């Protein structure tokens, strides 16, 4: 099966030419993404680990203050994204440098990717060889507001390349995410 067979499937399923062109542009069929609903996730609150929540808030405030003072961002986006995921969803992170995924949520292995306000585009790329069931994409705005969306691994584009690309704008949000 080639990387582009899904375009023929979309045509056979009755998608419009504009939808097929959009899917070709981003490399996968964004209308097949099935968002994970908040109700399907375990209930977690910052009170579950108040010390970690305080450290996260302190890091975000320090990053904001540094940006306001210098006009430069601190390069801590990945860590902020992973901390946010741990606090918001209760993801239990693996030890540093563990290959394949960033943590576990229930029985699922989770890969976490963060889109920073410095990033030119709104895409992340994830290694196809990774050992994960779900991808969590976290987007941090210029005002340090956090949004997140889960994607099931089976919805990633099929292909031979090392990486699969995921575009934030093609992901469906189930509802407004509370801000951290």
N, C-alpha and C. Protein backbone atom coordinates (compact mmCIF):
# COMPACT_ATOMS: atom_id res chain seq x y z
N UNK A 1 0.84 -1.18 0.00
CA UNK A 1 0.00 0.00 0.00
C UNK A 1 0.89 1.24 0.00
N UNK A 2 0.62 2.17 -0.89
CA UNK A 2 1.44 3.37 -0.96
C UNK A 2 0.96 4.39 0.07
N UNK A 3 1.79 5.41 0.27
CA UNK A 3 1.45 6.48 1.20
C UNK A 3 0.18 7.23 0.79
N UNK A 4 -0.19 7.15 -0.46
CA UNK A 4 -1.28 7.98 -0.97
C UNK A 4 -2.55 7.20 -1.28
N UNK A 5 -2.60 5.92 -0.96
CA UNK A 5 -3.80 5.12 -1.23
C UNK A 5 -5.03 5.66 -0.52
N UNK A 6 -4.84 6.31 0.61
CA UNK A 6 -5.98 6.85 1.35
C UNK A 6 -6.74 7.88 0.52
N UNK A 7 -6.06 8.54 -0.45
CA UNK A 7 -6.75 9.52 -1.30
C UNK A 7 -7.79 8.83 -2.19
N UNK A 8 -7.44 7.64 -2.69
CA UNK A 8 -8.41 6.87 -3.48
C UNK A 8 -9.57 6.42 -2.60
N UNK A 9 -9.25 6.02 -1.37
CA UNK A 9 -10.30 5.63 -0.43
C UNK A 9 -11.23 6.80 -0.14
N UNK A 10 -10.66 7.99 0.01
CA UNK A 10 -11.49 9.17 0.26
C UNK A 10 -12.43 9.44 -0.91
N UNK A 11 -11.91 9.30 -2.14
CA UNK A 11 -12.73 9.49 -3.33
C UNK A 11 -13.88 8.49 -3.34
N UNK A 12 -13.56 7.22 -3.06
CA UNK A 12 -14.58 6.17 -3.03
C UNK A 12 -15.60 6.38 -1.91
N UNK A 13 -15.19 7.04 -0.82
CA UNK A 13 -16.09 7.29 0.31
C UNK A 13 -16.92 8.56 0.14
N UNK A 14 -16.74 9.27 -0.99
CA UNK A 14 -17.58 10.42 -1.29
C UNK A 14 -17.06 11.76 -0.79
N UNK A 15 -15.78 11.85 -0.44
CA UNK A 15 -15.23 13.13 -0.04
C UNK A 15 -15.16 14.06 -1.25
N UNK A 16 -15.27 15.37 -0.99
CA UNK A 16 -15.23 16.35 -2.07
C UNK A 16 -13.80 16.52 -2.58
N UNK A 17 -13.65 17.07 -3.81
CA UNK A 17 -12.30 17.33 -4.32
C UNK A 17 -11.49 18.25 -3.41
N UNK A 18 -12.15 19.24 -2.80
CA UNK A 18 -11.44 20.14 -1.88
C UNK A 18 -10.93 19.39 -0.65
N UNK A 19 -11.75 18.48 -0.12
CA UNK A 19 -11.32 17.70 1.04
C UNK A 19 -10.16 16.78 0.67
N UNK A 20 -10.21 16.19 -0.49
CA UNK A 20 -9.13 15.30 -0.94
C UNK A 20 -7.86 16.10 -1.16
N UNK A 21 -7.98 17.30 -1.75
CA UNK A 21 -6.81 18.16 -1.95
C UNK A 21 -6.20 18.57 -0.60
N UNK A 22 -7.06 18.86 0.38
CA UNK A 22 -6.57 19.20 1.72
C UNK A 22 -5.83 18.04 2.35
N UNK A 23 -6.36 16.84 2.18
CA UNK A 23 -5.70 15.65 2.73
C UNK A 23 -4.37 15.41 2.04
N UNK A 24 -4.31 15.63 0.73
CA UNK A 24 -3.04 15.46 0.00
C UNK A 24 -2.01 16.48 0.48
N UNK A 25 -2.48 17.68 0.79
CA UNK A 25 -1.56 18.73 1.23
C UNK A 25 -0.94 18.42 2.59
N UNK A 26 -1.73 17.81 3.49
CA UNK A 26 -1.17 17.54 4.83
C UNK A 26 -0.67 16.12 4.98
N UNK A 27 -0.93 15.24 4.00
CA UNK A 27 -0.34 13.91 4.01
C UNK A 27 -1.17 12.84 4.70
N UNK A 28 -2.36 13.18 5.16
CA UNK A 28 -3.25 12.20 5.78
C UNK A 28 -4.66 12.73 5.71
N UNK A 29 -5.62 11.87 5.99
CA UNK A 29 -7.02 12.26 5.93
C UNK A 29 -7.45 12.83 7.27
N UNK A 30 -7.52 14.16 7.41
CA UNK A 30 -7.86 14.74 8.71
C UNK A 30 -9.30 14.47 9.13
N UNK A 31 -10.17 14.07 8.21
CA UNK A 31 -11.55 13.79 8.57
C UNK A 31 -11.71 12.42 9.20
N UNK A 32 -10.64 11.62 9.22
CA UNK A 32 -10.69 10.32 9.89
C UNK A 32 -10.20 10.37 11.32
N UNK A 33 -9.66 11.50 11.74
CA UNK A 33 -9.14 11.58 13.12
C UNK A 33 -10.29 11.43 14.08
N UNK A 34 -10.11 10.59 15.04
CA UNK A 34 -11.12 10.39 16.06
C UNK A 34 -10.58 10.96 17.36
N UNK A 35 -11.12 12.10 17.79
CA UNK A 35 -10.60 12.69 19.02
C UNK A 35 -10.96 11.83 20.23
N UNK A 36 -10.11 11.86 21.22
CA UNK A 36 -10.40 11.18 22.48
C UNK A 36 -11.18 12.17 23.32
N UNK A 37 -12.37 11.79 23.74
CA UNK A 37 -13.21 12.69 24.51
C UNK A 37 -12.72 12.77 25.95
N UNK A 38 -12.83 13.94 26.54
CA UNK A 38 -12.38 14.16 27.91
C UNK A 38 -13.01 13.15 28.87
N UNK A 39 -14.25 12.75 28.62
CA UNK A 39 -14.93 11.82 29.52
C UNK A 39 -14.24 10.46 29.55
N UNK A 40 -13.48 10.12 28.50
CA UNK A 40 -12.80 8.84 28.43
C UNK A 40 -11.50 8.83 29.21
N UNK A 41 -11.07 9.99 29.69
CA UNK A 41 -9.80 10.09 30.40
C UNK A 41 -10.05 10.08 31.90
N UNK A 42 -9.08 9.60 32.68
CA UNK A 42 -9.26 9.60 34.13
C UNK A 42 -9.33 11.02 34.65
N UNK A 43 -10.10 11.21 35.71
CA UNK A 43 -10.22 12.53 36.31
C UNK A 43 -8.95 12.83 37.10
N UNK A 44 -8.28 13.90 36.72
CA UNK A 44 -7.05 14.31 37.37
C UNK A 44 -7.16 15.79 37.64
N UNK A 45 -6.62 16.22 38.75
CA UNK A 45 -6.61 17.65 39.05
C UNK A 45 -5.24 18.01 39.61
N UNK A 46 -4.91 19.31 39.58
CA UNK A 46 -3.61 19.72 40.13
C UNK A 46 -3.44 19.31 41.60
N UNK A 47 -4.55 19.07 42.30
CA UNK A 47 -4.46 18.67 43.69
C UNK A 47 -3.91 17.25 43.84
N UNK A 48 -3.89 16.47 42.75
CA UNK A 48 -3.34 15.12 42.81
C UNK A 48 -1.84 15.16 43.09
N UNK A 49 -1.15 16.18 42.63
CA UNK A 49 0.26 16.39 42.93
C UNK A 49 0.49 17.89 43.01
N UNK A 50 0.09 18.49 44.14
CA UNK A 50 0.15 19.96 44.23
C UNK A 50 1.57 20.52 44.10
N UNK A 51 2.58 19.79 44.54
CA UNK A 51 3.95 20.28 44.44
C UNK A 51 4.37 20.38 42.97
N UNK A 52 4.02 19.36 42.17
CA UNK A 52 4.35 19.39 40.75
C UNK A 52 3.59 20.52 40.05
N UNK A 53 2.32 20.72 40.41
CA UNK A 53 1.53 21.80 39.82
C UNK A 53 2.14 23.16 40.15
N UNK A 54 2.63 23.32 41.38
CA UNK A 54 3.26 24.59 41.77
C UNK A 54 4.55 24.82 40.98
N UNK A 55 5.34 23.77 40.79
CA UNK A 55 6.58 23.90 40.02
C UNK A 55 6.26 24.26 38.58
N UNK A 56 5.24 23.60 38.00
CA UNK A 56 4.83 23.91 36.62
C UNK A 56 4.44 25.39 36.50
N UNK A 57 3.58 25.86 37.40
CA UNK A 57 3.14 27.25 37.37
C UNK A 57 4.31 28.21 37.53
N UNK A 58 5.25 27.85 38.40
CA UNK A 58 6.44 28.68 38.61
C UNK A 58 7.30 28.74 37.34
N UNK A 59 7.46 27.60 36.67
CA UNK A 59 8.23 27.57 35.43
C UNK A 59 7.58 28.43 34.34
N UNK A 60 6.25 28.32 34.23
CA UNK A 60 5.53 29.11 33.23
C UNK A 60 5.68 30.60 33.54
N UNK A 61 5.52 30.98 34.81
CA UNK A 61 5.66 32.39 35.19
C UNK A 61 7.09 32.88 34.95
N UNK A 62 8.08 32.05 35.25
CA UNK A 62 9.48 32.43 35.00
C UNK A 62 9.73 32.60 33.50
N UNK A 63 9.20 31.69 32.69
CA UNK A 63 9.37 31.80 31.24
C UNK A 63 8.71 33.06 30.71
N UNK A 64 7.52 33.40 31.23
CA UNK A 64 6.84 34.64 30.83
C UNK A 64 7.67 35.86 31.21
N UNK A 65 8.14 35.90 32.46
CA UNK A 65 8.91 37.04 32.95
C UNK A 65 10.20 37.19 32.14
N UNK A 66 10.85 36.09 31.83
CA UNK A 66 12.08 36.14 31.04
C UNK A 66 11.80 36.72 29.65
N UNK A 67 10.69 36.27 29.04
CA UNK A 67 10.34 36.78 27.71
C UNK A 67 10.04 38.27 27.76
N UNK A 68 9.29 38.69 28.77
CA UNK A 68 8.95 40.11 28.90
C UNK A 68 10.19 40.97 29.11
N UNK A 69 11.17 40.45 29.82
CA UNK A 69 12.39 41.19 30.10
C UNK A 69 13.35 41.22 28.91
N UNK A 70 13.50 40.09 28.23
CA UNK A 70 14.54 39.98 27.20
C UNK A 70 14.01 39.92 25.77
N UNK A 71 12.74 39.61 25.62
CA UNK A 71 12.21 39.41 24.27
C UNK A 71 12.60 38.06 23.69
N UNK A 72 13.18 37.20 24.51
CA UNK A 72 13.58 35.85 24.09
C UNK A 72 12.82 34.82 24.90
N UNK A 73 12.57 33.69 24.25
CA UNK A 73 11.91 32.59 24.94
C UNK A 73 12.96 31.65 25.54
N UNK A 74 12.67 31.13 26.72
CA UNK A 74 13.47 30.05 27.27
C UNK A 74 13.17 28.78 26.49
N UNK A 75 14.15 27.99 26.24
CA UNK A 75 13.97 26.78 25.42
C UNK A 75 13.60 25.58 26.29
N UNK A 76 12.41 25.64 26.89
CA UNK A 76 11.96 24.57 27.77
C UNK A 76 10.60 24.01 27.34
N UNK A 77 10.28 24.16 26.05
CA UNK A 77 8.95 23.81 25.56
C UNK A 77 8.59 22.35 25.78
N UNK A 78 9.48 21.44 25.45
CA UNK A 78 9.19 20.02 25.59
C UNK A 78 8.90 19.64 27.03
N UNK A 79 9.70 20.17 27.94
CA UNK A 79 9.49 19.86 29.36
C UNK A 79 8.18 20.47 29.86
N UNK A 80 7.88 21.71 29.45
CA UNK A 80 6.60 22.31 29.84
C UNK A 80 5.43 21.49 29.32
N UNK A 81 5.53 21.03 28.06
CA UNK A 81 4.45 20.22 27.49
C UNK A 81 4.27 18.92 28.26
N UNK A 82 5.36 18.27 28.60
CA UNK A 82 5.27 17.00 29.33
C UNK A 82 4.75 17.21 30.75
N UNK A 83 5.19 18.27 31.41
CA UNK A 83 4.66 18.57 32.75
C UNK A 83 3.16 18.85 32.70
N UNK A 84 2.76 19.63 31.70
CA UNK A 84 1.33 19.92 31.51
C UNK A 84 0.53 18.63 31.35
N UNK A 85 1.04 17.72 30.52
CA UNK A 85 0.37 16.44 30.30
C UNK A 85 0.28 15.62 31.58
N UNK A 86 1.34 15.64 32.35
CA UNK A 86 1.36 14.89 33.61
C UNK A 86 0.33 15.44 34.59
N UNK A 87 0.26 16.76 34.69
CA UNK A 87 -0.67 17.39 35.63
C UNK A 87 -2.11 17.28 35.14
N UNK A 88 -2.35 17.60 33.87
CA UNK A 88 -3.73 17.64 33.34
C UNK A 88 -4.36 16.27 33.19
N UNK A 89 -3.58 15.31 32.70
CA UNK A 89 -4.15 14.00 32.37
C UNK A 89 -3.70 12.88 33.28
N UNK A 90 -2.73 13.13 34.14
CA UNK A 90 -2.23 12.08 35.02
C UNK A 90 -1.30 11.10 34.33
N UNK A 91 -0.68 11.53 33.24
CA UNK A 91 0.26 10.67 32.53
C UNK A 91 1.47 10.43 33.44
N UNK A 92 1.83 9.19 33.58
CA UNK A 92 3.01 8.82 34.37
C UNK A 92 4.19 8.77 33.41
N UNK A 93 5.07 9.74 33.52
CA UNK A 93 6.20 9.82 32.59
C UNK A 93 7.24 8.75 32.89
N UNK A 94 7.88 8.29 31.81
CA UNK A 94 9.00 7.35 31.93
C UNK A 94 10.23 8.10 32.43
N UNK A 95 11.24 7.35 32.78
CA UNK A 95 12.53 7.96 33.14
C UNK A 95 13.07 8.72 31.93
N UNK A 96 13.92 9.73 32.16
CA UNK A 96 14.50 10.47 31.04
C UNK A 96 15.23 9.55 30.07
N UNK A 97 15.14 9.87 28.79
CA UNK A 97 15.82 9.18 27.69
C UNK A 97 15.26 7.79 27.40
N UNK A 98 14.06 7.48 27.91
CA UNK A 98 13.43 6.22 27.57
C UNK A 98 12.96 6.32 26.12
N UNK A 99 13.30 5.33 25.32
CA UNK A 99 12.95 5.35 23.90
C UNK A 99 11.55 4.79 23.68
N UNK A 100 10.86 5.33 22.69
CA UNK A 100 9.59 4.78 22.24
C UNK A 100 8.36 5.56 22.63
N UNK A 101 8.34 6.11 23.84
CA UNK A 101 7.20 6.92 24.28
C UNK A 101 7.63 7.74 25.49
N UNK A 102 6.78 8.70 25.85
CA UNK A 102 7.11 9.58 26.97
C UNK A 102 6.51 9.15 28.29
N UNK A 103 5.43 8.36 28.23
CA UNK A 103 4.79 7.94 29.48
C UNK A 103 3.63 7.02 29.23
N UNK A 104 2.89 6.74 30.31
CA UNK A 104 1.73 5.85 30.25
C UNK A 104 0.51 6.53 30.84
N UNK A 105 -0.63 6.24 30.25
CA UNK A 105 -1.92 6.66 30.76
C UNK A 105 -2.79 5.42 30.75
N UNK A 106 -3.04 4.86 31.92
CA UNK A 106 -3.71 3.56 31.98
C UNK A 106 -2.84 2.52 31.32
N UNK A 107 -3.38 1.82 30.34
CA UNK A 107 -2.61 0.80 29.61
C UNK A 107 -1.99 1.35 28.34
N UNK A 108 -2.22 2.61 28.03
CA UNK A 108 -1.73 3.20 26.78
C UNK A 108 -0.38 3.87 26.98
N UNK A 109 0.52 3.64 26.01
CA UNK A 109 1.77 4.38 25.96
C UNK A 109 1.51 5.67 25.20
N UNK A 110 1.99 6.79 25.73
CA UNK A 110 1.71 8.11 25.18
C UNK A 110 3.00 8.76 24.70
N UNK A 111 2.98 9.29 23.48
CA UNK A 111 4.06 10.12 22.96
C UNK A 111 3.55 11.56 23.04
N UNK A 112 4.36 12.47 23.56
CA UNK A 112 3.95 13.86 23.74
C UNK A 112 4.81 14.74 22.84
N UNK A 113 4.15 15.57 22.05
CA UNK A 113 4.83 16.54 21.19
C UNK A 113 4.27 17.93 21.50
N UNK A 114 5.16 18.91 21.54
CA UNK A 114 4.77 20.27 21.90
C UNK A 114 5.04 21.22 20.74
N UNK A 115 4.07 22.08 20.46
CA UNK A 115 4.21 23.14 19.47
C UNK A 115 4.42 24.43 20.24
N UNK A 116 5.58 25.05 20.05
CA UNK A 116 5.91 26.28 20.77
C UNK A 116 5.45 27.50 19.97
N UNK A 117 5.36 28.66 20.63
CA UNK A 117 4.99 29.87 19.88
C UNK A 117 6.05 30.30 18.89
N UNK A 118 7.26 29.79 19.01
CA UNK A 118 8.34 30.12 18.08
C UNK A 118 8.25 29.34 16.78
N UNK A 119 7.53 28.26 16.79
CA UNK A 119 7.50 27.37 15.64
C UNK A 119 6.81 28.06 14.46
N UNK A 120 7.43 27.99 13.28
CA UNK A 120 6.88 28.63 12.09
C UNK A 120 5.56 28.01 11.66
N UNK A 121 5.48 26.68 11.66
CA UNK A 121 4.27 25.99 11.25
C UNK A 121 3.55 25.43 12.45
N UNK A 122 2.47 24.74 12.17
CA UNK A 122 1.71 24.14 13.26
C UNK A 122 1.75 22.62 13.18
N UNK A 123 2.87 22.09 12.71
CA UNK A 123 3.01 20.64 12.57
C UNK A 123 4.01 20.10 13.57
N UNK A 124 3.78 18.85 13.95
CA UNK A 124 4.77 18.09 14.70
C UNK A 124 5.09 16.86 13.88
N UNK A 125 6.23 16.28 14.14
CA UNK A 125 6.54 15.02 13.50
C UNK A 125 6.90 14.02 14.58
N UNK A 126 6.48 12.78 14.36
CA UNK A 126 6.68 11.74 15.34
C UNK A 126 7.28 10.52 14.64
N UNK A 127 8.19 9.86 15.32
CA UNK A 127 8.83 8.68 14.73
C UNK A 127 7.81 7.55 14.61
N UNK A 128 7.72 7.00 13.43
CA UNK A 128 6.81 5.87 13.21
C UNK A 128 7.22 4.65 14.02
N UNK A 129 8.52 4.53 14.32
CA UNK A 129 9.02 3.36 15.03
C UNK A 129 8.75 3.42 16.53
N UNK A 130 8.23 4.53 17.01
CA UNK A 130 7.99 4.68 18.44
C UNK A 130 6.99 3.67 18.98
N UNK A 131 7.11 3.39 20.26
CA UNK A 131 6.22 2.45 20.93
C UNK A 131 5.15 3.23 21.69
N UNK A 132 4.10 3.65 20.99
CA UNK A 132 3.03 4.42 21.63
C UNK A 132 1.69 4.07 20.98
N UNK A 133 0.61 4.23 21.79
CA UNK A 133 -0.74 3.98 21.31
C UNK A 133 -1.45 5.28 20.95
N UNK A 134 -1.08 6.35 21.66
CA UNK A 134 -1.70 7.65 21.44
C UNK A 134 -0.61 8.72 21.38
N UNK A 135 -0.90 9.73 20.59
CA UNK A 135 -0.04 10.90 20.50
C UNK A 135 -0.81 12.05 21.15
N UNK A 136 -0.14 12.77 22.03
CA UNK A 136 -0.72 13.95 22.64
C UNK A 136 0.03 15.16 22.10
N UNK A 137 -0.68 16.03 21.40
CA UNK A 137 -0.07 17.25 20.86
C UNK A 137 -0.50 18.40 21.75
N UNK A 138 0.49 19.15 22.23
CA UNK A 138 0.23 20.28 23.11
C UNK A 138 0.71 21.53 22.39
N UNK A 139 -0.15 22.53 22.36
CA UNK A 139 0.20 23.80 21.70
C UNK A 139 0.25 24.89 22.77
N UNK A 140 1.36 25.62 22.78
CA UNK A 140 1.55 26.71 23.73
C UNK A 140 1.52 28.02 22.94
N UNK A 141 0.65 28.93 23.34
CA UNK A 141 0.51 30.20 22.62
C UNK A 141 1.58 31.20 23.07
N UNK A 142 1.66 32.33 22.36
CA UNK A 142 2.59 33.39 22.71
C UNK A 142 2.32 33.96 24.10
N UNK A 143 1.08 33.78 24.58
CA UNK A 143 0.72 34.26 25.91
C UNK A 143 0.78 33.14 26.94
N UNK A 144 1.44 32.04 26.57
CA UNK A 144 1.65 30.89 27.44
C UNK A 144 0.34 30.23 27.87
N UNK A 145 -0.60 30.15 26.95
CA UNK A 145 -1.83 29.39 27.15
C UNK A 145 -1.63 28.02 26.52
N UNK A 146 -2.14 27.00 27.17
CA UNK A 146 -1.92 25.63 26.74
C UNK A 146 -3.21 25.01 26.22
N UNK A 147 -3.12 24.33 25.07
CA UNK A 147 -4.20 23.52 24.52
C UNK A 147 -3.62 22.15 24.21
N UNK A 148 -4.47 21.14 24.23
CA UNK A 148 -3.96 19.79 23.95
C UNK A 148 -5.01 18.96 23.24
N UNK A 149 -4.53 18.02 22.43
CA UNK A 149 -5.42 17.12 21.69
C UNK A 149 -4.75 15.76 21.55
N UNK A 150 -5.50 14.73 21.83
CA UNK A 150 -5.02 13.36 21.67
C UNK A 150 -5.34 12.86 20.27
N UNK A 151 -4.50 11.98 19.78
CA UNK A 151 -4.70 11.33 18.49
C UNK A 151 -4.34 9.86 18.66
N UNK A 152 -5.19 8.99 18.18
CA UNK A 152 -4.87 7.57 18.23
C UNK A 152 -3.81 7.26 17.18
N UNK A 153 -2.86 6.40 17.53
CA UNK A 153 -1.77 6.08 16.62
C UNK A 153 -2.27 5.52 15.29
N UNK A 154 -3.32 4.73 15.34
CA UNK A 154 -3.82 4.11 14.10
C UNK A 154 -4.30 5.15 13.10
N UNK A 155 -4.48 6.39 13.54
CA UNK A 155 -4.91 7.46 12.65
C UNK A 155 -3.75 8.19 11.99
N UNK A 156 -2.51 7.86 12.37
CA UNK A 156 -1.36 8.47 11.71
C UNK A 156 -1.27 7.96 10.28
N UNK A 157 -0.73 8.78 9.40
CA UNK A 157 -0.60 8.37 8.01
C UNK A 157 0.30 7.16 7.90
N UNK A 158 -0.04 6.28 7.01
CA UNK A 158 0.78 5.09 6.74
C UNK A 158 1.92 5.51 5.82
N UNK A 159 3.03 4.87 5.95
CA UNK A 159 4.13 5.22 5.06
C UNK A 159 5.42 4.53 5.42
N UNK A 160 6.38 4.73 4.57
CA UNK A 160 7.69 4.12 4.73
C UNK A 160 8.68 5.05 5.43
N UNK A 161 8.40 6.34 5.45
CA UNK A 161 9.34 7.30 6.01
C UNK A 161 9.55 7.11 7.50
N UNK A 162 10.60 7.73 7.99
CA UNK A 162 10.93 7.64 9.41
C UNK A 162 9.90 8.35 10.27
N UNK A 163 9.33 9.46 9.76
CA UNK A 163 8.43 10.27 10.54
C UNK A 163 7.04 10.38 9.91
N UNK A 164 6.04 10.53 10.79
CA UNK A 164 4.69 10.90 10.37
C UNK A 164 4.50 12.35 10.83
N UNK A 165 3.85 13.15 10.02
CA UNK A 165 3.61 14.55 10.37
C UNK A 165 2.14 14.72 10.73
N UNK A 166 1.92 15.57 11.73
CA UNK A 166 0.57 15.85 12.20
C UNK A 166 0.40 17.36 12.27
N UNK A 167 -0.64 17.87 11.65
CA UNK A 167 -0.91 19.30 11.63
C UNK A 167 -1.97 19.64 12.69
N UNK A 168 -1.66 20.60 13.54
CA UNK A 168 -2.59 21.02 14.59
C UNK A 168 -3.91 21.50 13.98
N UNK A 169 -3.85 22.26 12.90
CA UNK A 169 -5.06 22.84 12.32
C UNK A 169 -6.00 21.78 11.76
N UNK A 170 -5.48 20.59 11.47
CA UNK A 170 -6.33 19.52 10.95
C UNK A 170 -6.96 18.69 12.06
N UNK A 171 -6.52 18.89 13.30
CA UNK A 171 -7.05 18.11 14.41
C UNK A 171 -8.36 18.70 14.88
N UNK A 172 -9.25 17.84 15.28
CA UNK A 172 -10.55 18.26 15.77
C UNK A 172 -10.52 18.37 17.27
N UNK A 173 -10.95 19.51 17.77
CA UNK A 173 -11.05 19.69 19.21
C UNK A 173 -12.46 19.30 19.64
N UNK A 174 -12.56 18.57 20.73
CA UNK A 174 -13.87 18.18 21.22
C UNK A 174 -14.58 19.33 21.89
N UNK A 175 -13.82 20.19 22.56
CA UNK A 175 -14.36 21.38 23.20
C UNK A 175 -13.19 22.22 23.65
N UNK A 176 -13.47 23.42 24.13
CA UNK A 176 -12.38 24.27 24.61
C UNK A 176 -11.70 23.60 25.80
N UNK A 177 -10.40 23.58 25.73
CA UNK A 177 -9.61 23.01 26.82
C UNK A 177 -9.46 24.07 27.92
N UNK A 178 -9.55 23.69 29.15
CA UNK A 178 -9.24 24.65 30.21
C UNK A 178 -7.77 25.06 30.11
N UNK A 179 -7.48 26.27 30.47
CA UNK A 179 -6.11 26.77 30.39
C UNK A 179 -5.37 26.45 31.67
N UNK A 180 -4.08 26.21 31.53
CA UNK A 180 -3.25 25.93 32.71
C UNK A 180 -2.88 27.21 33.39
